[in-house]
Protein backbone atom coordinates (compact mmCIF):
# COMPACT_ATOMS: atom_id res chain seq x y z
CA MET A 1 -49.18 -5.54 7.71
CA LYS A 2 -49.00 -1.26 7.19
CA GLY A 3 -46.12 -0.65 9.32
CA SER A 4 -44.83 -4.18 10.21
CA LEU A 5 -41.29 -3.63 9.51
CA SER A 6 -41.27 -1.02 11.95
CA ARG A 7 -42.56 -3.40 14.74
CA LEU A 8 -39.15 -5.48 14.19
CA PRO A 9 -37.15 -5.58 17.15
CA VAL A 10 -33.98 -3.64 16.00
CA TRP A 11 -31.35 -6.77 17.04
CA ILE A 12 -33.51 -8.77 14.13
CA VAL A 13 -32.38 -6.07 11.72
CA ILE A 14 -28.99 -5.76 12.78
CA ILE A 15 -28.11 -9.64 12.57
CA VAL A 16 -29.40 -9.78 9.42
CA ALA A 17 -27.63 -6.46 7.88
CA LEU A 18 -24.30 -8.16 9.49
CA THR A 19 -25.08 -11.78 7.74
CA LEU A 20 -25.72 -9.36 4.19
CA LEU A 21 -22.74 -7.95 5.16
CA ALA A 22 -20.76 -11.38 5.53
CA LEU A 23 -21.99 -13.03 2.72
CA MET A 24 -21.06 -10.29 0.17
CA LEU A 25 -17.63 -10.01 1.47
CA ALA A 26 -17.27 -13.79 1.29
CA GLN A 27 -18.52 -13.69 -2.59
CA THR A 28 -16.26 -10.65 -3.55
CA GLY A 29 -13.07 -12.58 -1.86
CA GLN A 30 -12.20 -8.62 0.34
CA GLY A 31 -11.78 -10.56 3.38
CA SER A 32 -8.99 -9.94 5.69
CA THR A 33 -6.91 -13.43 4.94
CA ALA A 34 -3.88 -13.40 3.03
CA SER A 35 -4.56 -14.93 -0.92
CA GLN A 36 -2.57 -18.26 -1.11
CA GLN A 37 -0.07 -16.74 -3.19
CA GLU A 38 0.29 -13.84 -0.26
CA GLN A 39 0.96 -16.95 1.69
CA ARG A 40 3.52 -18.97 -0.41
CA ILE A 41 5.52 -15.61 -0.81
CA ALA A 42 5.48 -14.87 2.84
CA GLN A 43 6.45 -18.22 3.22
CA VAL A 44 9.69 -18.26 1.37
CA LEU A 45 10.30 -14.81 2.18
CA SER A 46 10.57 -15.83 5.84
CA THR A 47 13.34 -18.57 5.22
CA MET A 48 16.02 -16.30 3.92
CA ALA A 49 18.83 -15.11 6.34
CA GLY A 50 17.90 -12.53 8.74
CA ALA A 51 14.50 -11.97 7.20
CA GLY A 52 12.23 -13.27 10.34
CA ARG A 53 8.37 -13.19 10.08
CA VAL A 54 7.16 -11.86 6.91
CA GLU A 55 3.71 -10.95 5.83
CA VAL A 56 2.86 -9.73 2.10
CA ALA A 57 0.07 -8.44 0.36
CA LEU A 58 -0.55 -7.97 -3.45
CA TYR A 59 -1.63 -5.10 -5.02
CA TYR A 60 -3.48 -5.87 -8.51
CA ALA A 61 -4.02 -2.83 -11.15
CA GLN A 62 -7.97 -1.94 -11.77
CA GLN A 63 -9.15 -3.91 -14.49
CA GLU A 64 -13.19 -3.49 -14.56
CA THR A 65 -14.71 -3.05 -10.83
CA ASP A 66 -12.20 -5.34 -8.94
CA VAL A 67 -9.31 -3.17 -7.18
CA PHE A 68 -7.84 -6.48 -5.14
CA SER A 69 -8.18 -9.66 -6.86
CA SER A 70 -6.57 -12.96 -7.28
CA SER A 71 -7.97 -14.29 -10.33
CA ALA A 72 -5.64 -16.44 -12.27
CA GLY A 73 -5.93 -13.75 -15.45
CA SER A 74 -4.57 -10.92 -13.54
CA ALA A 75 -0.66 -10.34 -12.70
CA PRO A 76 -0.15 -7.89 -10.01
CA THR A 77 1.36 -5.08 -10.27
CA GLY A 78 2.59 -4.34 -6.65
CA ALA A 79 3.95 -6.08 -3.77
CA LEU A 80 4.44 -4.65 0.28
CA VAL A 81 6.00 -6.89 2.46
CA VAL A 82 6.32 -6.61 6.21
CA ALA A 83 8.88 -8.39 7.55
CA GLU A 84 10.87 -8.37 10.61
CA GLY A 85 14.47 -8.17 9.67
CA ALA A 86 13.76 -5.53 7.13
CA ASP A 87 15.62 -2.73 9.42
CA ASP A 88 18.71 -4.74 7.88
CA MET A 89 19.67 -3.06 4.30
CA GLN A 90 21.10 -6.28 3.28
CA VAL A 91 17.96 -8.16 4.40
CA ARG A 92 15.32 -5.24 2.82
CA LEU A 93 17.60 -5.47 -0.37
CA ASN A 94 17.40 -9.07 -0.54
CA LEU A 95 13.78 -9.14 0.14
CA ILE A 96 13.00 -6.79 -2.54
CA ARG A 97 14.75 -8.34 -4.84
CA ALA A 98 13.41 -11.80 -4.51
CA VAL A 99 10.11 -10.33 -4.67
CA ARG A 100 11.02 -8.80 -8.12
CA THR A 101 12.19 -12.19 -9.19
CA LEU A 102 9.08 -14.23 -8.42
CA LEU A 103 6.78 -11.76 -9.63
CA GLY A 104 8.48 -10.05 -12.22
CA LEU A 105 8.17 -6.93 -11.06
CA PRO A 106 10.00 -3.42 -11.13
CA GLU A 107 12.01 -2.40 -8.30
CA THR A 108 9.61 0.60 -7.38
CA ALA A 109 6.97 -1.68 -6.88
CA VAL A 110 8.04 -3.48 -4.19
CA ASP A 111 8.02 -1.62 -0.95
CA VAL A 112 9.44 -3.42 2.53
CA PHE A 113 9.06 -2.03 5.75
CA VAL A 114 9.74 -3.34 9.21
CA MET A 115 7.64 -5.34 11.35
CA GLU A 116 6.19 -3.50 14.50
CA GLY A 117 6.87 -5.31 17.28
CA LYS A 118 10.08 -6.74 16.61
CA PRO A 119 11.89 -8.09 19.90
C-alpha cells in the first residue's frame, strides 16, 4: 500500500480535482450564472426605450465570509449594468434611475457601461 497514491494515473487525479471544484462552486453559489434577481432586473431594464440588451451584476457587502451572496437577508449595496444603449446619455440616466428605484441604492452605487459588440 505504501506509495499507492503515486501509482494513480494523472488523469484520475485531475478528474477528481475538477469534480471537487465543481461541487464547491455549486455549494457556494458563486458559479457563473446570474441570480434570479439579476436576471429579473435585466429583463425589466431591457424593456426600457433605447436600452437594448442588458446584463446586471449586483454587489453584496461582506457580511461574514460571503462577498457575493443573494441570500434572503442581505440587500445589494451596488449594481453594475451593461447595456447596448448605454452610449446614449438619456438611456444611461434612465437605467441608473431605474436601478436606484428598484434596489433603493444611492446614485454612486450604480455604474452603467456600454455593452461590447453593439451593432
